[in-house]
Amino acid sequence: MREGTERQKRVAELIRQEAARFINTHLPPKPLVTVTRADVSKDLKKSTVYFTVLPNEEEERTHTLIKKKAHLFRENMKERLSTKSIPFFSFSIDEGEKMRQRMDEIL
């Protein structure tokens, strides 16, 4: 959701911040997980949280752990979001960010 209403942008940024805090609290400190962005649907009923993992070898295991805790994250967000409905969250590895990092390494 690069474009969208100001409300979508505000909600997406709040979700990104809260997802980073949640992951930092509920996952082991290693590997390093960085929440890069969150996208929110126009009706605010779905959200995708994108993240990167270092080292890359830990991506799959970390993604599995995060997905297992998605319901707990949603429960946590009920207290933090003042929207009519709480979105359903999915978590995805930020492939675009990985590609950007590879390009930086090459250059």
PDB file of N, CA and C in Angstrom:
ATOM      1  N   MET A   1       0.832  -1.167   0.000  1.00  0.00           N
ATOM      2  CA  MET A   1       0.000   0.000   0.000  1.00  0.00           C
ATOM      3  C   MET A   1       0.885   1.241   0.000  1.00  0.00           C
ATOM      4  N   ARG A   2       1.502   1.514  -1.071  1.00  0.00           N
ATOM      5  CA  ARG A   2       2.327   2.709  -1.183  1.00  0.00           C
ATOM      6  C   ARG A   2       1.442   3.943  -1.270  1.00  0.00           C
ATOM      7  N   GLU A   3       0.280   3.779  -1.847  1.00  0.00           N
ATOM      8  CA  GLU A   3      -0.673   4.868  -1.958  1.00  0.00           C
ATOM      9  C   GLU A   3      -1.847   4.530  -1.058  1.00  0.00           C
ATOM     10  N   GLY A   4      -2.712   5.463  -0.873  1.00  0.00           N
ATOM     11  CA  GLY A   4      -3.886   5.211  -0.054  1.00  0.00           C
ATOM     12  C   GLY A   4      -4.262   6.460   0.711  1.00  0.00           C
ATOM     13  N   THR A   5      -5.304   6.340   1.467  1.00  0.00           N
ATOM     14  CA  THR A   5      -5.765   7.482   2.231  1.00  0.00           C
ATOM     15  C   THR A   5      -4.812   7.764   3.387  1.00  0.00           C
ATOM     16  N   GLU A   6      -4.918   8.947   3.925  1.00  0.00           N
ATOM     17  CA  GLU A   6      -4.089   9.296   5.082  1.00  0.00           C
ATOM     18  C   GLU A   6      -4.392   8.361   6.253  1.00  0.00           C
ATOM     19  N   ARG A   7      -5.642   8.000   6.389  1.00  0.00           N
ATOM     20  CA  ARG A   7      -6.017   7.084   7.482  1.00  0.00           C
ATOM     21  C   ARG A   7      -5.332   5.737   7.299  1.00  0.00           C
ATOM     22  N   GLN A   8      -5.345   5.202   6.086  1.00  0.00           N
ATOM     23  CA  GLN A   8      -4.664   3.933   5.813  1.00  0.00           C
ATOM     24  C   GLN A   8      -3.185   4.049   6.162  1.00  0.00           C
ATOM     25  N   LYS A   9      -2.579   5.143   5.786  1.00  0.00           N
ATOM     26  CA  LYS A   9      -1.152   5.342   6.056  1.00  0.00           C
ATOM     27  C   LYS A   9      -0.880   5.394   7.556  1.00  0.00           C
ATOM     28  N   ARG A  10      -1.734   6.108   8.287  1.00  0.00           N
ATOM     29  CA  ARG A  10      -1.548   6.199   9.743  1.00  0.00           C
ATOM     30  C   ARG A  10      -1.718   4.840  10.408  1.00  0.00           C
ATOM     31  N   VAL A  11      -2.754   4.116  10.005  1.00  0.00           N
ATOM     32  CA  VAL A  11      -3.001   2.788  10.579  1.00  0.00           C
ATOM     33  C   VAL A  11      -1.853   1.845  10.229  1.00  0.00           C
ATOM     34  N   ALA A  12      -1.389   1.894   8.983  1.00  0.00           N
ATOM     35  CA  ALA A  12      -0.280   1.028   8.559  1.00  0.00           C
ATOM     36  C   ALA A  12       0.975   1.320   9.367  1.00  0.00           C
ATOM     37  N   GLU A  13       1.263   2.586   9.615  1.00  0.00           N
ATOM     38  CA  GLU A  13       2.455   2.938  10.394  1.00  0.00           C
ATOM     39  C   GLU A  13       2.315   2.478  11.839  1.00  0.00           C
ATOM     40  N   LEU A  14       1.141   2.623  12.416  1.00  0.00           N
ATOM     41  CA  LEU A  14       0.912   2.135  13.773  1.00  0.00           C
ATOM     42  C   LEU A  14       1.092   0.619  13.834  1.00  0.00           C
ATOM     43  N   ILE A  15       0.571  -0.084  12.848  1.00  0.00           N
ATOM     44  CA  ILE A  15       0.717  -1.543  12.798  1.00  0.00           C
ATOM     45  C   ILE A  15       2.187  -1.916  12.673  1.00  0.00           C
ATOM     46  N   ARG A  16       2.929  -1.204  11.823  1.00  0.00           N
ATOM     47  CA  ARG A  16       4.365  -1.490  11.663  1.00  0.00           C
ATOM     48  C   ARG A  16       5.095  -1.335  12.994  1.00  0.00           C
ATOM     49  N   GLN A  17       4.818  -0.239  13.687  1.00  0.00           N
ATOM     50  CA  GLN A  17       5.477   0.008  14.976  1.00  0.00           C
ATOM     51  C   GLN A  17       5.114  -1.061  16.003  1.00  0.00           C
ATOM     52  N   GLU A  18       3.839  -1.380  16.080  1.00  0.00           N
ATOM     53  CA  GLU A  18       3.392  -2.374  17.059  1.00  0.00           C
ATOM     54  C   GLU A  18       3.898  -3.768  16.716  1.00  0.00           C
ATOM     55  N   ALA A  19       3.977  -4.095  15.436  1.00  0.00           N
ATOM     56  CA  ALA A  19       4.516  -5.399  15.022  1.00  0.00           C
ATOM     57  C   ALA A  19       5.984  -5.504  15.414  1.00  0.00           C
ATOM     58  N   ALA A  20       6.733  -4.433  15.232  1.00  0.00           N
ATOM     59  CA  ALA A  20       8.149  -4.437  15.626  1.00  0.00           C
ATOM     60  C   ALA A  20       8.286  -4.648  17.132  1.00  0.00           C
ATOM     61  N   ARG A  21       7.463  -3.950  17.881  1.00  0.00           N
ATOM     62  CA  ARG A  21       7.498  -4.090  19.349  1.00  0.00           C
ATOM     63  C   ARG A  21       7.096  -5.517  19.760  1.00  0.00           C
ATOM     64  N   PHE A  22       6.046  -6.042  19.131  1.00  0.00           N
ATOM     65  CA  PHE A  22       5.554  -7.379  19.445  1.00  0.00           C
ATOM     66  C   PHE A  22       6.620  -8.440  19.139  1.00  0.00           C
ATOM     67  N   ILE A  23       7.213  -8.360  17.973  1.00  0.00           N
ATOM     68  CA  ILE A  23       8.240  -9.337  17.575  1.00  0.00           C
ATOM     69  C   ILE A  23       9.432  -9.251  18.506  1.00  0.00           C
ATOM     70  N   ASN A  24       9.828  -8.044  18.871  1.00  0.00           N
ATOM     71  CA  ASN A  24      10.944  -7.862  19.785  1.00  0.00           C
ATOM     72  C   ASN A  24      10.654  -8.482  21.149  1.00  0.00           C
ATOM     73  N   THR A  25       9.393  -8.460  21.558  1.00  0.00           N
ATOM     74  CA  THR A  25       8.998  -8.982  22.867  1.00  0.00           C
ATOM     75  C   THR A  25       8.748 -10.487  22.857  1.00  0.00           C
ATOM     76  N   HIS A  26       8.174 -11.024  21.766  1.00  0.00           N
ATOM     77  CA  HIS A  26       7.691 -12.405  21.756  1.00  0.00           C
ATOM     78  C   HIS A  26       8.563 -13.401  20.990  1.00  0.00           C
ATOM     79  N   LEU A  27       9.638 -12.940  20.388  1.00  0.00           N
ATOM     80  CA  LEU A  27      10.544 -13.844  19.676  1.00  0.00           C
ATOM     81  C   LEU A  27      11.921 -13.780  20.320  1.00  0.00           C
ATOM     82  N   PRO A  28      12.718 -14.834  20.136  1.00  0.00           N
ATOM     83  CA  PRO A  28      14.078 -14.784  20.671  1.00  0.00           C
ATOM     84  C   PRO A  28      14.855 -13.608  20.067  1.00  0.00           C
ATOM     85  N   PRO A  29      15.853 -13.098  20.798  1.00  0.00           N
ATOM     86  CA  PRO A  29      16.588 -11.924  20.302  1.00  0.00           C
ATOM     87  C   PRO A  29      17.404 -12.193  19.033  1.00  0.00           C
ATOM     88  N   LYS A  30      17.712 -13.440  18.795  1.00  0.00           N
ATOM     89  CA  LYS A  30      18.426 -13.784  17.563  1.00  0.00           C
ATOM     90  C   LYS A  30      17.595 -14.782  16.811  1.00  0.00           C
ATOM     91  N   PRO A  31      17.412 -14.625  15.567  1.00  0.00           N
ATOM     92  CA  PRO A  31      18.046 -13.709  14.625  1.00  0.00           C
ATOM     93  C   PRO A  31      17.455 -12.299  14.718  1.00  0.00           C
ATOM     94  N   LEU A  32      18.085 -11.383  14.004  1.00  0.00           N
ATOM     95  CA  LEU A  32      17.616 -10.007  13.955  1.00  0.00           C
ATOM     96  C   LEU A  32      16.442  -9.908  12.987  1.00  0.00           C
ATOM     97  N   VAL A  33      15.285  -9.456  13.491  1.00  0.00           N
ATOM     98  CA  VAL A  33      14.095  -9.288  12.662  1.00  0.00           C
ATOM     99  C   VAL A  33      13.781  -7.799  12.604  1.00  0.00           C
ATOM    100  N   THR A  34      13.626  -7.285  11.385  1.00  0.00           N
ATOM    101  CA  THR A  34      13.288  -5.880  11.185  1.00  0.00           C
ATOM    102  C   THR A  34      11.965  -5.790  10.441  1.00  0.00           C
ATOM    103  N   VAL A  35      11.003  -5.125  11.036  1.00  0.00           N
ATOM    104  CA  VAL A  35       9.720  -4.901  10.368  1.00  0.00           C
ATOM    105  C   VAL A  35       9.921  -3.697   9.455  1.00  0.00           C
ATOM    106  N   THR A  36       9.757  -3.916   8.151  1.00  0.00           N
ATOM    107  CA  THR A  36      10.051  -2.868   7.180  1.00  0.00           C
ATOM    108  C   THR A  36       8.842  -2.019   6.829  1.00  0.00           C
ATOM    109  N   ARG A  37       7.660  -2.632   6.792  1.00  0.00           N
ATOM    110  CA  ARG A  37       6.455  -1.869   6.468  1.00  0.00           C
ATOM    111  C   ARG A  37       5.223  -2.718   6.750  1.00  0.00           C
ATOM    112  N   ALA A  38       4.081  -2.058   6.695  1.00  0.00           N
ATOM    113  CA  ALA A  38       2.799  -2.755   6.791  1.00  0.00           C
ATOM    114  C   ALA A  38       1.874  -2.157   5.738  1.00  0.00           C
ATOM    115  N   ASP A  39       1.115  -3.000   5.103  1.00  0.00           N
ATOM    116  CA  ASP A  39       0.100  -2.574   4.151  1.00  0.00           C
ATOM    117  C   ASP A  39      -1.266  -2.875   4.757  1.00  0.00           C
ATOM    118  N   VAL A  40      -2.231  -2.008   4.466  1.00  0.00           N
ATOM    119  CA  VAL A  40      -3.578  -2.169   4.991  1.00  0.00           C
ATOM    120  C   VAL A  40      -4.564  -2.026   3.834  1.00  0.00           C
ATOM    121  N   SER A  41      -5.571  -2.903   3.805  1.00  0.00           N
ATOM    122  CA  SER A  41      -6.602  -2.811   2.771  1.00  0.00           C
ATOM    123  C   SER A  41      -7.434  -1.542   2.979  1.00  0.00           C
ATOM    124  N   LYS A  42      -8.128  -1.130   1.932  1.00  0.00           N
ATOM    125  CA  LYS A  42      -8.931   0.093   2.007  1.00  0.00           C
ATOM    126  C   LYS A  42      -9.980   0.031   3.104  1.00  0.00           C
ATOM    127  N   ASP A  43     -10.561  -1.155   3.312  1.00  0.00           N
ATOM    128  CA  ASP A  43     -11.591  -1.283   4.351  1.00  0.00           C
ATOM    129  C   ASP A  43     -11.002  -1.548   5.736  1.00  0.00           C
ATOM    130  N   LEU A  44      -9.671  -1.585   5.828  1.00  0.00           N
ATOM    131  CA  LEU A  44      -8.933  -1.791   7.084  1.00  0.00           C
ATOM    132  C   LEU A  44      -9.206  -3.152   7.723  1.00  0.00           C
ATOM    133  N   LYS A  45      -9.628  -4.125   6.916  1.00  0.00           N
ATOM    134  CA  LYS A  45      -9.927  -5.449   7.464  1.00  0.00           C
ATOM    135  C   LYS A  45      -8.793  -6.448   7.291  1.00  0.00           C
ATOM    136  N   LYS A  46      -7.809  -6.098   6.456  1.00  0.00           N
ATOM    137  CA  LYS A  46      -6.658  -6.984   6.249  1.00  0.00           C
ATOM    138  C   LYS A  46      -5.386  -6.158   6.266  1.00  0.00           C
ATOM    139  N   SER A  47      -4.358  -6.753   6.812  1.00  0.00           N
ATOM    140  CA  SER A  47      -3.065  -6.090   6.848  1.00  0.00           C
ATOM    141  C   SER A  47      -1.963  -7.120   6.631  1.00  0.00           C
ATOM    142  N   THR A  48      -0.970  -6.723   5.867  1.00  0.00           N
ATOM    143  CA  THR A  48       0.222  -7.557   5.691  1.00  0.00           C
ATOM    144  C   THR A  48       1.397  -6.811   6.287  1.00  0.00           C
ATOM    145  N   VAL A  49       2.122  -7.490   7.161  1.00  0.00           N
ATOM    146  CA  VAL A  49       3.310  -6.930   7.799  1.00  0.00           C
ATOM    147  C   VAL A  49       4.516  -7.570   7.123  1.00  0.00           C
ATOM    148  N   TYR A  50       5.428  -6.734   6.626  1.00  0.00           N
ATOM    149  CA  TYR A  50       6.623  -7.211   5.930  1.00  0.00           C
ATOM    150  C   TYR A  50       7.834  -7.059   6.836  1.00  0.00           C
ATOM    151  N   PHE A  51       8.720  -8.042   6.761  1.00  0.00           N
ATOM    152  CA  PHE A  51       9.901  -8.024   7.620  1.00  0.00           C
ATOM    153  C   PHE A  51      11.096  -8.664   6.920  1.00  0.00           C
ATOM    154  N   THR A  52      12.275  -8.381   7.444  1.00  0.00           N
ATOM    155  CA  THR A  52      13.506  -9.037   6.983  1.00  0.00           C
ATOM    156  C   THR A  52      14.132  -9.753   8.172  1.00  0.00           C
ATOM    157  N   VAL A  53      14.964 -10.737   7.868  1.00  0.00           N
ATOM    158  CA  VAL A  53      15.622 -11.537   8.904  1.00  0.00           C
ATOM    159  C   VAL A  53      17.103 -11.645   8.569  1.00  0.00           C
ATOM    160  N   LEU A  54      17.949 -11.436   9.565  1.00  0.00           N
ATOM    161  CA  LEU A  54      19.387 -11.659   9.425  1.00  0.00           C
ATOM    162  C   LEU A  54      19.833 -12.590  10.527  1.00  0.00           C
ATOM    163  N   PRO A  55      20.535 -13.619  10.248  1.00  0.00           N
ATOM    164  CA  PRO A  55      21.014 -14.046   8.941  1.00  0.00           C
ATOM    165  C   PRO A  55      19.884 -14.663   8.110  1.00  0.00           C
ATOM    166  N   ASN A  56      20.065 -14.631   6.807  1.00  0.00           N
ATOM    167  CA  ASN A  56      19.043 -15.111   5.873  1.00  0.00           C
ATOM    168  C   ASN A  56      18.669 -16.572   6.100  1.00  0.00           C
ATOM    169  N   GLU A  57      19.574 -17.362   6.618  1.00  0.00           N
ATOM    170  CA  GLU A  57      19.312 -18.787   6.837  1.00  0.00           C
ATOM    171  C   GLU A  57      18.213 -19.008   7.870  1.00  0.00           C
ATOM    172  N   GLU A  58      17.918 -18.000   8.650  1.00  0.00           N
ATOM    173  CA  GLU A  58      16.906 -18.105   9.706  1.00  0.00           C
ATOM    174  C   GLU A  58      15.516 -17.658   9.251  1.00  0.00           C
ATOM    175  N   GLU A  59      15.390 -17.226   7.979  1.00  0.00           N
ATOM    176  CA  GLU A  59      14.114 -16.684   7.501  1.00  0.00           C
ATOM    177  C   GLU A  59      12.943 -17.642   7.671  1.00  0.00           C
ATOM    178  N   GLU A  60      13.087 -18.846   7.179  1.00  0.00           N
ATOM    179  CA  GLU A  60      11.969 -19.792   7.179  1.00  0.00           C
ATOM    180  C   GLU A  60      11.511 -20.109   8.601  1.00  0.00           C
ATOM    181  N   ARG A  61      12.450 -20.400   9.468  1.00  0.00           N
ATOM    182  CA  ARG A  61      12.112 -20.727  10.859  1.00  0.00           C
ATOM    183  C   ARG A  61      11.452 -19.536  11.551  1.00  0.00           C
ATOM    184  N   THR A  62      11.988 -18.355  11.330  1.00  0.00           N
ATOM    185  CA  THR A  62      11.440 -17.145  11.944  1.00  0.00           C
ATOM    186  C   THR A  62      10.050 -16.844  11.398  1.00  0.00           C
ATOM    187  N   HIS A  63       9.875 -16.999  10.093  1.00  0.00           N
ATOM    188  CA  HIS A  63       8.563 -16.765   9.484  1.00  0.00           C
ATOM    189  C   HIS A  63       7.524 -17.701  10.097  1.00  0.00           C
ATOM    190  N   THR A  64       7.890 -18.955  10.287  1.00  0.00           N
ATOM    191  CA  THR A  64       6.984 -19.929  10.904  1.00  0.00           C
ATOM    192  C   THR A  64       6.618 -19.504  12.325  1.00  0.00           C
ATOM    193  N   LEU A  65       7.609 -19.068  13.090  1.00  0.00           N
ATOM    194  CA  LEU A  65       7.345 -18.619  14.465  1.00  0.00           C
ATOM    195  C   LEU A  65       6.396 -17.422  14.496  1.00  0.00           C
ATOM    196  N   ILE A  66       6.632 -16.470  13.606  1.00  0.00           N
ATOM    197  CA  ILE A  66       5.795 -15.275  13.568  1.00  0.00           C
ATOM    198  C   ILE A  66       4.366 -15.646  13.179  1.00  0.00           C
ATOM    199  N   LYS A  67       4.218 -16.499  12.188  1.00  0.00           N
ATOM    200  CA  LYS A  67       2.870 -16.901  11.765  1.00  0.00           C
ATOM    201  C   LYS A  67       2.123 -17.599  12.894  1.00  0.00           C
ATOM    202  N   LYS A  68       2.831 -18.381  13.700  1.00  0.00           N
ATOM    203  CA  LYS A  68       2.192 -19.063  14.826  1.00  0.00           C
ATOM    204  C   LYS A  68       1.692 -18.084  15.872  1.00  0.00           C
ATOM    205  N   LYS A  69       2.309 -16.913  15.939  1.00  0.00           N
ATOM    206  CA  LYS A  69       1.931 -15.927  16.950  1.00  0.00           C
ATOM    207  C   LYS A  69       1.005 -14.838  16.396  1.00  0.00           C
ATOM    208  N   ALA A  70       0.573 -14.980  15.150  1.00  0.00           N
ATOM    209  CA  ALA A  70      -0.263 -13.946  14.520  1.00  0.00           C
ATOM    210  C   ALA A  70      -1.555 -13.709  15.295  1.00  0.00           C
ATOM    211  N   HIS A  71      -2.174 -14.771  15.799  1.00  0.00           N
ATOM    212  CA  HIS A  71      -3.417 -14.600  16.557  1.00  0.00           C
ATOM    213  C   HIS A  71      -3.173 -13.800  17.841  1.00  0.00           C
ATOM    214  N   LEU A  72      -2.028 -14.031  18.473  1.00  0.00           N
ATOM    215  CA  LEU A  72      -1.678 -13.291  19.682  1.00  0.00           C
ATOM    216  C   LEU A  72      -1.433 -11.813  19.347  1.00  0.00           C
ATOM    217  N   PHE A  73      -0.811 -11.560  18.197  1.00  0.00           N
ATOM    218  CA  PHE A  73      -0.596 -10.187  17.756  1.00  0.00           C
ATOM    219  C   PHE A  73      -1.936  -9.493  17.539  1.00  0.00           C
ATOM    220  N   ARG A  74      -2.876 -10.185  16.926  1.00  0.00           N
ATOM    221  CA  ARG A  74      -4.206  -9.593  16.676  1.00  0.00           C
ATOM    222  C   ARG A  74      -4.893  -9.255  17.999  1.00  0.00           C
ATOM    223  N   GLU A  75      -4.797 -10.154  18.970  1.00  0.00           N
ATOM    224  CA  GLU A  75      -5.375  -9.880  20.294  1.00  0.00           C
ATOM    225  C   GLU A  75      -4.724  -8.642  20.913  1.00  0.00           C
ATOM    226  N   ASN A  76      -3.420  -8.547  20.768  1.00  0.00           N
ATOM    227  CA  ASN A  76      -2.674  -7.406  21.285  1.00  0.00           C
ATOM    228  C   ASN A  76      -3.128  -6.103  20.613  1.00  0.00           C
ATOM    229  N   MET A  77      -3.403  -6.165  19.325  1.00  0.00           N
ATOM    230  CA  MET A  77      -3.790  -4.976  18.573  1.00  0.00           C
ATOM    231  C   MET A  77      -5.192  -4.494  18.929  1.00  0.00           C
ATOM    232  N   LYS A  78      -6.009  -5.348  19.492  1.00  0.00           N
ATOM    233  CA  LYS A  78      -7.355  -4.923  19.908  1.00  0.00           C
ATOM    234  C   LYS A  78      -7.274  -3.784  20.919  1.00  0.00           C
ATOM    235  N   GLU A  79      -6.231  -3.782  21.721  1.00  0.00           N
ATOM    236  CA  GLU A  79      -6.039  -2.734  22.718  1.00  0.00           C
ATOM    237  C   GLU A  79      -5.410  -1.486  22.124  1.00  0.00           C
ATOM    238  N   ARG A  80      -4.733  -1.630  20.997  1.00  0.00           N
ATOM    239  CA  ARG A  80      -3.943  -0.534  20.446  1.00  0.00           C
ATOM    240  C   ARG A  80      -4.619   0.235  19.303  1.00  0.00           C
ATOM    241  N   LEU A  81      -5.512  -0.432  18.589  1.00  0.00           N
ATOM    242  CA  LEU A  81      -6.165   0.210  17.452  1.00  0.00           C
ATOM    243  C   LEU A  81      -7.548   0.718  17.842  1.00  0.00           C
ATOM    244  N   SER A  82      -7.851   1.913  17.389  1.00  0.00           N
ATOM    245  CA  SER A  82      -9.174   2.467  17.670  1.00  0.00           C
ATOM    246  C   SER A  82     -10.018   2.465  16.391  1.00  0.00           C
ATOM    247  N   THR A  83      -9.985   1.354  15.688  1.00  0.00           N
ATOM    248  CA  THR A  83     -10.795   1.211  14.481  1.00  0.00           C
ATOM    249  C   THR A  83     -12.023   0.363  14.808  1.00  0.00           C
ATOM    250  N   LYS A  84     -13.013   0.456  13.936  1.00  0.00           N
ATOM    251  CA  LYS A  84     -14.258  -0.290  14.155  1.00  0.00           C
ATOM    252  C   LYS A  84     -13.992  -1.792  14.213  1.00  0.00           C
ATOM    253  N   SER A  85     -13.153  -2.266  13.310  1.00  0.00           N
ATOM    254  CA  SER A  85     -12.799  -3.693  13.330  1.00  0.00           C
ATOM    255  C   SER A  85     -11.282  -3.827  13.310  1.00  0.00           C
ATOM    256  N   ILE A  86     -10.816  -4.900  13.885  1.00  0.00           N
ATOM    257  CA  ILE A  86      -9.383  -5.177  13.934  1.00  0.00           C
ATOM    258  C   ILE A  86      -9.026  -6.005  12.701  1.00  0.00           C
ATOM    259  N   PRO A  87      -7.992  -5.602  11.976  1.00  0.00           N
ATOM    260  CA  PRO A  87      -7.644  -6.348  10.760  1.00  0.00           C
ATOM    261  C   PRO A  87      -7.167  -7.766  11.073  1.00  0.00           C
ATOM    262  N   PHE A  88      -7.263  -8.609  10.072  1.00  0.00           N
ATOM    263  CA  PHE A  88      -6.615  -9.910  10.128  1.00  0.00           C
ATOM    264  C   PHE A  88      -5.225  -9.706   9.558  1.00  0.00           C
ATOM    265  N   PHE A  89      -4.226 -10.248  10.236  1.00  0.00           N
ATOM    266  CA  PHE A  89      -2.839  -9.978   9.877  1.00  0.00           C
ATOM    267  C   PHE A  89      -2.196 -11.179   9.207  1.00  0.00           C
ATOM    268  N   SER A  90      -1.418 -10.877   8.193  1.00  0.00           N
ATOM    269  CA  SER A  90      -0.525 -11.880   7.622  1.00  0.00           C
ATOM    270  C   SER A  90       0.882 -11.288   7.674  1.00  0.00           C
ATOM    271  N   PHE A  91       1.853 -12.149   7.707  1.00  0.00           N
ATOM    272  CA  PHE A  91       3.243 -11.729   7.807  1.00  0.00           C
ATOM    273  C   PHE A  91       4.002 -12.301   6.623  1.00  0.00           C
ATOM    274  N   SER A  92       4.844 -11.469   6.023  1.00  0.00           N
ATOM    275  CA  SER A  92       5.549 -11.890   4.823  1.00  0.00           C
ATOM    276  C   SER A  92       6.969 -11.335   4.828  1.00  0.00           C
ATOM    277  N   ILE A  93       7.878 -12.112   4.296  1.00  0.00           N
ATOM    278  CA  ILE A  93       9.252 -11.655   4.151  1.00  0.00           C
ATOM    279  C   ILE A  93       9.272 -10.586   3.065  1.00  0.00           C
ATOM    280  N   ASP A  94       9.946  -9.493   3.324  1.00  0.00           N
ATOM    281  CA  ASP A  94      10.004  -8.364   2.394  1.00  0.00           C
ATOM    282  C   ASP A  94      11.042  -8.652   1.310  1.00  0.00           C
ATOM    283  N   GLU A  95      10.582  -9.254   0.235  1.00  0.00           N
ATOM    284  CA  GLU A  95      11.475  -9.616  -0.875  1.00  0.00           C
ATOM    285  C   GLU A  95      12.059  -8.380  -1.552  1.00  0.00           C
ATOM    286  N   GLY A  96      11.290  -7.308  -1.624  1.00  0.00           N
ATOM    287  CA  GLY A  96      11.784  -6.071  -2.234  1.00  0.00           C
ATOM    288  C   GLY A  96      12.959  -5.501  -1.467  1.00  0.00           C
ATOM    289  N   GLU A  97      12.872  -5.534  -0.163  1.00  0.00           N
ATOM    290  CA  GLU A  97      13.969  -5.043   0.672  1.00  0.00           C
ATOM    291  C   GLU A  97      15.193  -5.938   0.521  1.00  0.00           C
ATOM    292  N   LYS A  98      14.982  -7.242   0.451  1.00  0.00           N
ATOM    293  CA  LYS A  98      16.108  -8.157   0.244  1.00  0.00           C
ATOM    294  C   LYS A  98      16.812  -7.844  -1.076  1.00  0.00           C
ATOM    295  N   MET A  99      16.023  -7.581  -2.117  1.00  0.00           N
ATOM    296  CA  MET A  99      16.587  -7.269  -3.421  1.00  0.00           C
ATOM    297  C   MET A  99      17.377  -5.960  -3.364  1.00  0.00           C
ATOM    298  N   ARG A 100      16.848  -4.965  -2.666  1.00  0.00           N
ATOM    299  CA  ARG A 100      17.542  -3.687  -2.530  1.00  0.00           C
ATOM    300  C   ARG A 100      18.880  -3.873  -1.822  1.00  0.00           C
ATOM    301  N   GLN A 101      18.892  -4.713  -0.785  1.00  0.00           N
ATOM    302  CA  GLN A 101      20.132  -4.968  -0.065  1.00  0.00           C
ATOM    303  C   GLN A 101      21.155  -5.664  -0.952  1.00  0.00           C
ATOM    304  N   ARG A 102      20.691  -6.592  -1.773  1.00  0.00           N
ATOM    305  CA  ARG A 102      21.605  -7.271  -2.707  1.00  0.00           C
ATOM    306  C   ARG A 102      22.192  -6.287  -3.711  1.00  0.00           C
ATOM    307  N   MET A 103      21.347  -5.385  -4.201  1.00  0.00           N
ATOM    308  CA  MET A 103      21.834  -4.372  -5.157  1.00  0.00           C
ATOM    309  C   MET A 103      22.882  -3.481  -4.492  1.00  0.00           C
ATOM    310  N   ASP A 104      22.659  -3.104  -3.248  1.00  0.00           N
ATOM    311  CA  ASP A 104      23.643  -2.287  -2.518  1.00  0.00           C
ATOM    312  C   ASP A 104      24.971  -3.027  -2.393  1.00  0.00           C
ATOM    313  N   GLU A 105      24.907  -4.345  -2.117  1.00  0.00           N
ATOM    314  CA  GLU A 105      26.130  -5.138  -2.006  1.00  0.00           C
ATOM    315  C   GLU A 105      26.887  -5.183  -3.329  1.00  0.00           C
ATOM    316  N   ILE A 106      26.150  -5.336  -4.415  1.00  0.00           N
ATOM    317  CA  ILE A 106      26.767  -5.420  -5.741  1.00  0.00           C
ATOM    318  C   ILE A 106      27.431  -4.093  -6.094  1.00  0.00           C
ATOM    319  N   LEU A 107      26.743  -3.006  -5.798  1.00  0.00           N
ATOM    320  CA  LEU A 107      27.296  -1.689  -6.120  1.00  0.00           C
ATOM    321  C   LEU A 107      28.382  -1.319  -5.162  1.00  0.00           C
TER     322      LEU A 107
END
